[in-house]
Amino acid sequence: VLHWNRGRGARLWLATPMQDSTQGLWVPVVPNAQDLADTVDTFCAGHATMGDGRLMVVGGTVVGTTGETRVPVFDAKNFRGSSTNGWSLADTTLWGRWYATVTALKDGRMLATSGTDFMNLQMFGGFKNNSGTDSLMNDARALNLRRWLRWNSDFTNSATRPSARHGHSSVFRFSIGKTVIFGGLRDSSGAMVHTNQVLQLFIKNVDTGQEWTWETTPTASDLSTFQFPLPRQQHASVIIGDQMFVLGGLGKNAQGQDLVLSDIWRLNLISSPPRWTHFSLSGGPGARYAHTAVVDDSENNGTSPTILVYGGRTTGGGLADDKVWKLSLSGSTPQSWTEVASGGPGARAGHIAIIDTVDIHTLNDPGILEKRHRMVVFGG
């Protein structure tokens, strides 16, 4: 019998013949907890017996509400005297999950289906009010967005955690499940400095299980100019596939004065090392910071994504225009700027913007599916 509980490692229990009424029927197979089942938290996992009698477990818990990707197998014939107590790692799934369904197929293969991935909102850094004083933070927090709206405590490896910062950007690489942080104003021995660091946050397999680990990612310069993006804060970043785009921001010139930027940079995250490419286009929103950028994939059935830029501040600190600017792309190469809207909620900076692409059923006729595609702006 495989038994587990929330926050505890798995345990195997073995039924033994009862000698008399005072002797317990169940005894633990693994009393010392030094096994793979203790490092793979099988709480909320799925399991099934394989054709050869081994037990396969799929899913479980990494931290809080993040699903497990590793697939351990227990072999009852090898648990005594084995350094792993009969457990071995069979494989990993592309996505971690809770509540998976595992089915043994007639041909001997195992089928893992369904489950819950418990999507999280990740947050890193910024300022926090601490007894009336703003404190610069370097913690990472996750808010479960599916069943329970609950914040996890910092779930990352403290040994790899980067320095505190604010004004940075964050995008998520769905292809491999990595969060990419760029730029910001960071703490350097008590002084605040602009940075063009690229950080990545990802799940790493370690001896004791899995952990969220930070990595400072070295990058390569533009092949034509041999330059890197100027260190900056309050810029805007988006990701299309494995290409991250950085637009504008606030940096410093050679004399240490504020410099509002209008440049466009693309970081190819699948090259080794990731390589920067600089683009300079005429027209468009011009130099600005504290603006937003979102990806619009509504054209040509999602095959021709564009980038929408809105709001921000310009040189001198004044509010920028209230226009929505569209950056057209050819593949992953920026082509031209076009003004697509104006006269909206008004000029603003420091706001947030998202693309809402939820498909809904209309109120008049629930059988008609309405494809809703809009940019939503809040605050500022």
Protein backbone atom coordinates (compact mmCIF):
# COMPACT_ATOMS: atom_id res chain seq x y z
CA VAL A 1 0.00 0.00 0.00
CA LEU A 2 1.38 3.39 -1.01
CA HIS A 3 0.42 6.08 1.50
CA TRP A 4 1.14 9.78 1.56
CA ASN A 5 -0.06 12.98 3.19
CA ARG A 6 0.27 16.66 2.37
CA GLY A 7 3.72 17.92 3.28
CA ARG A 8 5.06 14.42 4.00
CA GLY A 9 7.04 11.95 1.96
CA ALA A 10 5.44 8.80 0.60
CA ARG A 11 5.52 5.62 2.62
CA LEU A 12 5.06 1.99 1.61
CA TRP A 13 3.32 -0.34 4.04
CA LEU A 14 3.46 -4.14 3.91
CA ALA A 15 0.69 -6.48 5.13
CA THR A 16 2.09 -9.30 7.28
CA PRO A 17 0.26 -12.34 8.78
CA MET A 18 -1.20 -11.68 12.22
CA GLN A 19 0.36 -13.97 14.84
CA ASP A 20 -2.03 -12.95 17.59
CA SER A 21 -4.51 -10.21 18.42
CA THR A 22 -1.83 -7.93 19.93
CA GLN A 23 0.37 -7.74 16.84
CA GLY A 24 -0.35 -5.02 14.26
CA LEU A 25 -1.23 -6.08 10.76
CA TRP A 26 0.64 -3.27 8.95
CA VAL A 27 4.35 -2.52 9.22
CA PRO A 28 6.28 0.13 7.28
CA VAL A 29 8.48 -1.22 4.51
CA VAL A 30 10.79 1.79 4.59
CA PRO A 31 11.23 3.08 8.14
CA ASN A 32 14.27 5.29 7.50
CA ALA A 33 12.72 7.56 4.80
CA GLN A 34 15.92 7.53 2.74
CA ASP A 35 14.37 6.79 -0.62
CA LEU A 36 13.19 8.39 -3.82
CA ALA A 37 9.64 8.48 -2.48
CA ASP A 38 10.83 10.89 0.18
CA THR A 39 12.29 13.31 -2.39
CA VAL A 40 9.40 12.98 -4.84
CA ASP A 41 6.33 14.25 -3.00
CA THR A 42 3.53 12.02 -4.32
CA PHE A 43 0.79 14.02 -2.64
CA CYS A 44 -1.98 14.37 -5.27
CA ALA A 45 -0.20 11.98 -7.66
CA GLY A 46 -1.68 9.27 -9.87
CA HIS A 47 -0.40 5.70 -9.92
CA ALA A 48 -0.99 2.31 -11.53
CA THR A 49 0.54 -1.16 -11.44
CA MET A 50 2.64 -1.99 -14.49
CA GLY A 51 2.42 -5.28 -16.36
CA ASP A 52 5.54 -6.63 -14.61
CA GLY A 53 4.21 -5.84 -11.13
CA ARG A 54 6.09 -2.60 -10.55
CA LEU A 55 4.26 0.53 -9.41
CA MET A 56 4.44 3.74 -11.49
CA VAL A 57 3.66 7.14 -9.94
CA VAL A 58 2.94 10.19 -12.13
CA GLY A 59 2.63 13.74 -10.85
CA GLY A 60 2.62 15.07 -7.30
CA THR A 61 3.88 18.19 -5.59
CA VAL A 62 7.13 20.16 -6.00
CA VAL A 63 6.38 23.20 -3.85
CA GLY A 64 3.03 24.67 -2.84
CA THR A 65 0.84 24.16 -5.89
CA THR A 66 3.48 23.38 -8.50
CA GLY A 67 3.14 19.95 -10.12
CA GLU A 68 5.84 17.26 -10.14
CA THR A 69 7.38 16.21 -13.47
CA ARG A 70 9.46 13.22 -12.39
CA VAL A 71 7.99 9.72 -12.78
CA PRO A 72 9.29 7.28 -10.12
CA VAL A 73 8.75 3.50 -10.22
CA PHE A 74 8.74 1.14 -7.22
CA ASP A 75 9.94 -2.45 -7.57
CA ALA A 76 8.88 -4.54 -4.56
CA LYS A 77 11.45 -7.24 -5.43
CA ASN A 78 14.35 -4.82 -4.92
CA PHE A 79 13.34 -2.78 -1.90
CA ARG A 80 15.29 -4.76 0.69
CA GLY A 81 18.97 -3.92 0.73
CA SER A 82 18.72 -1.46 -2.14
CA SER A 83 20.25 1.99 -1.66
CA THR A 84 17.07 3.49 -3.12
CA ASN A 85 14.71 1.04 -1.36
CA GLY A 86 13.32 -0.22 -4.64
CA TRP A 87 12.64 3.20 -6.21
CA SER A 88 14.06 4.36 -9.56
CA LEU A 89 13.41 7.28 -11.87
CA ALA A 90 11.69 6.06 -15.05
CA ASP A 91 11.18 9.32 -16.92
CA THR A 92 9.96 12.92 -16.68
CA THR A 93 6.83 14.51 -18.11
CA LEU A 94 6.91 17.74 -20.11
CA TRP A 95 4.57 19.45 -17.64
CA GLY A 96 4.25 18.88 -13.92
CA ARG A 97 0.76 18.00 -12.72
CA TRP A 98 -1.50 17.05 -9.86
CA TYR A 99 -4.22 14.36 -10.02
CA ALA A 100 -2.92 12.58 -13.11
CA THR A 101 -4.67 9.44 -14.37
CA VAL A 102 -2.32 6.53 -15.10
CA THR A 103 -3.48 3.55 -17.17
CA ALA A 104 -1.61 0.33 -17.99
CA LEU A 105 -2.09 -0.47 -21.69
CA LYS A 106 -2.38 -3.97 -23.17
CA ASP A 107 0.96 -3.66 -25.00
CA GLY A 108 2.82 -2.92 -21.74
CA ARG A 109 3.09 0.85 -22.16
CA MET A 110 1.75 3.27 -19.54
CA LEU A 111 -0.60 6.13 -20.45
CA ALA A 112 -0.62 9.31 -18.32
CA THR A 113 -3.52 11.66 -19.00
CA SER A 114 -5.22 14.74 -17.63
CA GLY A 115 -4.36 16.28 -14.26
CA THR A 116 -4.16 19.84 -13.03
CA ASP A 117 -1.15 22.05 -13.62
CA PHE A 118 -2.11 24.77 -11.10
CA MET A 119 -1.09 27.86 -13.02
CA ASN A 120 0.77 30.36 -10.85
CA LEU A 121 1.44 34.06 -11.08
CA GLN A 122 5.12 34.61 -10.31
CA MET A 123 6.43 37.82 -8.75
CA PHE A 124 10.02 38.89 -8.14
CA GLY A 125 11.56 41.92 -6.46
CA GLY A 126 10.18 45.45 -6.22
CA PHE A 127 9.55 47.60 -3.16
CA LYS A 128 7.73 46.49 -0.02
CA ASN A 129 6.50 48.76 2.76
CA ASN A 130 8.27 47.67 5.92
CA SER A 131 7.17 49.58 9.03
CA GLY A 132 6.70 52.78 7.03
CA THR A 133 9.92 52.39 5.04
CA ASP A 134 10.21 51.15 1.46
CA SER A 135 12.45 48.08 1.38
CA LEU A 136 13.94 46.81 -1.88
CA MET A 137 13.20 43.10 -2.24
CA ASN A 138 14.81 40.10 -3.96
CA ASP A 139 12.19 37.50 -3.03
CA ALA A 140 10.15 35.44 -5.47
CA ARG A 141 6.53 34.63 -4.68
CA ALA A 142 3.89 32.57 -6.46
CA LEU A 143 0.12 33.10 -6.36
CA ASN A 144 -1.97 30.06 -7.24
CA LEU A 145 -4.58 31.14 -9.80
CA ARG A 146 -6.64 27.98 -10.10
CA ARG A 147 -8.38 26.73 -7.00
CA TRP A 148 -7.09 28.61 -3.98
CA LEU A 149 -5.89 32.21 -4.31
CA ARG A 150 -2.95 31.77 -1.99
CA TRP A 151 0.58 33.16 -1.95
CA ASN A 152 3.50 30.77 -1.46
CA SER A 153 6.51 31.86 0.55
CA ASP A 154 9.75 32.35 -1.39
CA PHE A 155 10.17 29.03 -3.18
CA THR A 156 13.59 29.63 -4.75
CA ASN A 157 17.07 28.46 -3.76
CA SER A 158 18.48 31.19 -1.51
CA ALA A 159 22.05 30.36 -2.61
CA THR A 160 21.27 31.36 -6.22
CA ARG A 161 18.90 34.27 -5.51
CA PRO A 162 19.92 37.49 -7.33
CA SER A 163 20.30 40.91 -5.74
CA ALA A 164 17.28 43.07 -4.92
CA ARG A 165 15.93 45.24 -7.74
CA HIS A 166 12.96 47.10 -9.18
CA GLY A 167 11.95 48.44 -12.60
CA HIS A 168 12.87 45.15 -14.30
CA SER A 169 10.76 43.11 -16.73
CA SER A 170 9.63 39.50 -16.70
CA VAL A 171 8.47 37.12 -19.44
CA PHE A 172 7.73 33.39 -19.38
CA ARG A 173 9.11 30.84 -21.86
CA PHE A 174 6.26 28.36 -22.23
CA SER A 175 8.40 26.09 -24.42
CA ILE A 176 10.65 25.06 -21.51
CA GLY A 177 8.96 26.56 -18.44
CA LYS A 178 11.52 29.28 -17.62
CA THR A 179 10.92 32.81 -16.36
CA VAL A 180 13.26 35.40 -17.90
CA ILE A 181 14.07 38.62 -16.00
CA PHE A 182 15.81 41.53 -17.71
CA GLY A 183 17.29 44.82 -16.53
CA GLY A 184 16.09 46.99 -13.69
CA LEU A 185 17.69 49.12 -11.01
CA ARG A 186 19.50 46.77 -8.66
CA ASP A 187 21.27 46.98 -5.35
CA SER A 188 25.07 46.78 -5.64
CA SER A 189 26.73 46.98 -2.21
CA GLY A 190 24.21 49.56 -1.09
CA ALA A 191 24.30 51.62 -4.31
CA MET A 192 21.53 51.54 -6.91
CA VAL A 193 22.81 50.83 -10.42
CA HIS A 194 21.12 50.15 -13.76
CA THR A 195 21.69 46.66 -15.10
CA ASN A 196 21.28 44.73 -18.35
CA GLN A 197 21.54 41.34 -16.66
CA VAL A 198 19.48 38.44 -17.98
CA LEU A 199 18.25 36.10 -15.24
CA GLN A 200 16.34 32.84 -15.66
CA LEU A 201 14.27 31.04 -13.03
CA PHE A 202 13.56 27.35 -13.58
CA ILE A 203 12.99 23.98 -11.87
CA LYS A 204 16.16 21.96 -11.36
CA ASN A 205 16.51 18.31 -10.34
CA VAL A 206 18.73 17.91 -7.27
CA ASP A 207 19.59 15.02 -4.95
CA THR A 208 16.90 16.03 -2.48
CA GLY A 209 14.16 16.41 -5.09
CA GLN A 210 13.40 19.48 -7.19
CA GLU A 211 13.98 23.15 -6.52
CA TRP A 212 13.43 26.49 -8.22
CA THR A 213 16.87 27.83 -9.13
CA TRP A 214 18.11 31.21 -10.38
CA GLU A 215 20.69 31.46 -13.18
CA THR A 216 22.52 34.54 -14.47
CA THR A 217 22.55 33.95 -18.23
CA PRO A 218 25.59 35.13 -20.26
CA THR A 219 24.57 36.67 -23.58
CA ALA A 220 26.30 37.49 -26.89
CA SER A 221 26.41 40.96 -28.50
CA ASP A 222 24.80 42.14 -31.70
CA LEU A 223 26.75 40.67 -34.65
CA SER A 224 26.78 43.98 -36.55
CA THR A 225 27.50 46.53 -33.82
CA PHE A 226 29.12 44.22 -31.22
CA GLN A 227 27.03 46.03 -28.62
CA PHE A 228 24.68 45.01 -25.82
CA PRO A 229 21.52 46.81 -24.68
CA LEU A 230 22.26 49.77 -22.47
CA PRO A 231 21.48 48.99 -18.80
CA ARG A 232 17.96 50.24 -18.13
CA GLN A 233 14.84 50.21 -15.99
CA GLN A 234 11.10 50.78 -16.57
CA HIS A 235 11.33 49.32 -20.08
CA ALA A 236 8.83 46.91 -21.64
CA SER A 237 9.52 43.30 -22.62
CA VAL A 238 7.45 40.68 -24.44
CA ILE A 239 8.20 37.19 -25.70
CA ILE A 240 7.14 35.55 -28.96
CA GLY A 241 8.13 31.90 -29.04
CA ASP A 242 11.74 31.93 -27.82
CA GLN A 243 12.46 35.51 -28.92
CA MET A 244 12.36 38.20 -26.21
CA PHE A 245 11.86 41.82 -27.33
CA VAL A 246 12.91 44.80 -25.17
CA LEU A 247 11.50 48.24 -26.00
CA GLY A 248 12.69 51.57 -24.63
CA GLY A 249 13.27 52.31 -20.97
CA LEU A 250 15.23 54.69 -18.79
CA GLY A 251 19.02 54.48 -18.61
CA LYS A 252 22.05 56.72 -18.08
CA ASN A 253 24.33 58.40 -20.63
CA ALA A 254 28.13 58.57 -20.39
CA GLN A 255 27.84 61.62 -18.11
CA GLY A 256 25.54 59.79 -15.70
CA GLN A 257 22.44 61.75 -16.75
CA ASP A 258 19.02 60.19 -17.32
CA LEU A 259 18.57 58.95 -20.87
CA VAL A 260 15.15 57.97 -22.21
CA LEU A 261 15.53 55.21 -24.81
CA SER A 262 13.66 54.46 -28.04
CA ASP A 263 15.58 51.39 -29.18
CA ILE A 264 14.33 47.85 -29.87
CA TRP A 265 16.34 44.78 -28.93
CA ARG A 266 15.65 41.12 -29.60
CA LEU A 267 17.23 38.32 -27.55
CA ASN A 268 17.29 34.93 -29.29
CA LEU A 269 16.96 32.60 -26.30
CA ILE A 270 17.53 29.38 -28.26
CA SER A 271 20.99 30.34 -29.53
CA SER A 272 23.98 29.40 -27.39
CA PRO A 273 24.68 31.75 -25.79
CA PRO A 274 21.50 33.81 -26.29
CA ARG A 275 22.32 36.60 -28.77
CA TRP A 276 21.14 40.21 -28.87
CA THR A 277 20.12 41.98 -32.09
CA HIS A 278 19.51 45.73 -32.25
CA PHE A 279 16.82 47.36 -34.41
CA SER A 280 16.32 51.05 -35.13
CA LEU A 281 13.06 52.10 -36.81
CA SER A 282 11.81 55.56 -37.77
CA GLY A 283 8.52 56.94 -36.48
CA GLY A 284 6.54 55.13 -33.86
CA PRO A 285 6.15 55.94 -30.17
CA GLY A 286 9.67 57.36 -29.82
CA ALA A 287 11.70 57.41 -26.62
CA ARG A 288 9.69 56.50 -23.52
CA TYR A 289 9.72 54.60 -20.24
CA ALA A 290 7.13 53.30 -17.76
CA HIS A 291 5.05 52.14 -20.76
CA THR A 292 3.53 48.73 -21.54
CA ALA A 293 3.88 46.29 -24.42
CA VAL A 294 1.71 43.26 -25.22
CA VAL A 295 1.66 40.69 -28.03
CA ASP A 296 -1.36 40.70 -30.35
CA ASP A 297 -1.73 37.46 -32.32
CA SER A 298 -5.21 38.09 -33.72
CA GLU A 299 -4.05 38.59 -37.32
CA ASN A 300 -3.91 35.71 -39.82
CA ASN A 301 -5.00 33.12 -37.25
CA GLY A 302 -2.05 33.88 -35.00
CA THR A 303 0.62 33.46 -37.68
CA SER A 304 1.53 37.19 -37.81
CA PRO A 305 1.94 38.46 -34.22
CA THR A 306 2.43 42.17 -33.59
CA ILE A 307 3.47 44.18 -30.53
CA LEU A 308 1.23 46.91 -29.10
CA VAL A 309 2.85 49.74 -27.09
CA TYR A 310 0.85 52.16 -24.94
CA GLY A 311 1.51 55.02 -22.50
CA GLY A 312 4.65 55.89 -20.58
CA ARG A 313 6.76 58.98 -19.98
CA THR A 314 9.06 60.84 -22.38
CA THR A 315 12.25 62.88 -22.01
CA GLY A 316 11.76 65.37 -19.19
CA GLY A 317 9.35 63.09 -17.35
CA GLY A 318 6.11 64.25 -18.95
CA LEU A 319 3.41 61.81 -19.96
CA ALA A 320 3.65 60.39 -23.45
CA ASP A 321 0.73 60.43 -25.90
CA ASP A 322 -2.39 58.31 -25.41
CA LYS A 323 -1.95 56.51 -28.74
CA VAL A 324 -1.65 52.76 -29.23
CA TRP A 325 1.29 51.92 -31.49
CA LYS A 326 1.60 48.63 -33.38
CA LEU A 327 4.99 47.15 -34.24
CA SER A 328 4.68 44.83 -37.24
CA LEU A 329 7.03 41.88 -37.56
CA SER A 330 8.25 39.71 -40.39
CA GLY A 331 8.98 36.45 -38.64
CA SER A 332 10.89 37.76 -35.62
CA THR A 333 12.24 40.88 -37.35
CA PRO A 334 10.62 44.26 -36.52
CA GLN A 335 9.46 46.06 -39.69
CA SER A 336 7.47 49.25 -39.05
CA TRP A 337 5.36 51.25 -36.59
CA THR A 338 1.69 52.11 -37.14
CA GLU A 339 -0.70 54.17 -35.01
CA VAL A 340 -3.79 52.01 -34.48
CA ALA A 341 -5.82 53.86 -31.82
CA SER A 342 -6.01 57.11 -29.83
CA GLY A 343 -8.38 58.99 -27.55
CA GLY A 344 -8.75 56.08 -25.14
CA PRO A 345 -8.53 56.14 -21.35
CA GLY A 346 -5.98 58.98 -21.43
CA ALA A 347 -2.21 59.36 -21.20
CA ARG A 348 -0.69 57.49 -18.29
CA ALA A 349 2.49 55.79 -17.05
CA GLY A 350 3.25 52.97 -14.64
CA HIS A 351 0.04 51.14 -15.60
CA ILE A 352 -0.38 47.50 -16.61
CA ALA A 353 -1.80 46.06 -19.82
CA ILE A 354 -2.78 42.54 -20.88
CA ILE A 355 -4.30 40.88 -23.94
CA ASP A 356 -7.63 39.20 -23.19
CA THR A 357 -8.26 36.37 -25.65
CA VAL A 358 -10.97 34.41 -23.83
CA ASP A 359 -13.61 32.76 -26.04
CA ILE A 360 -17.06 33.32 -24.52
CA HIS A 361 -20.64 32.30 -25.28
CA THR A 362 -22.90 35.26 -26.03
CA LEU A 363 -25.71 36.13 -23.63
CA ASN A 364 -28.39 36.24 -26.36
CA ASP A 365 -27.54 32.82 -27.76
CA PRO A 366 -25.34 30.54 -25.58
CA GLY A 367 -24.73 28.39 -28.64
CA ILE A 368 -22.79 31.16 -30.42
CA LEU A 369 -19.12 31.38 -29.51
CA GLU A 370 -17.72 34.91 -29.49
CA LYS A 371 -13.96 35.26 -29.92
CA ARG A 372 -13.05 38.14 -27.65
CA HIS A 373 -9.70 39.79 -28.38
CA ARG A 374 -8.87 43.05 -26.64
CA MET A 375 -6.18 44.92 -24.75
CA VAL A 376 -7.11 45.73 -21.14
CA VAL A 377 -5.38 48.59 -19.31
CA PHE A 378 -5.50 49.21 -15.56
CA GLY A 379 -4.19 51.97 -13.28
CA GLY A 380 -1.22 54.23 -13.81
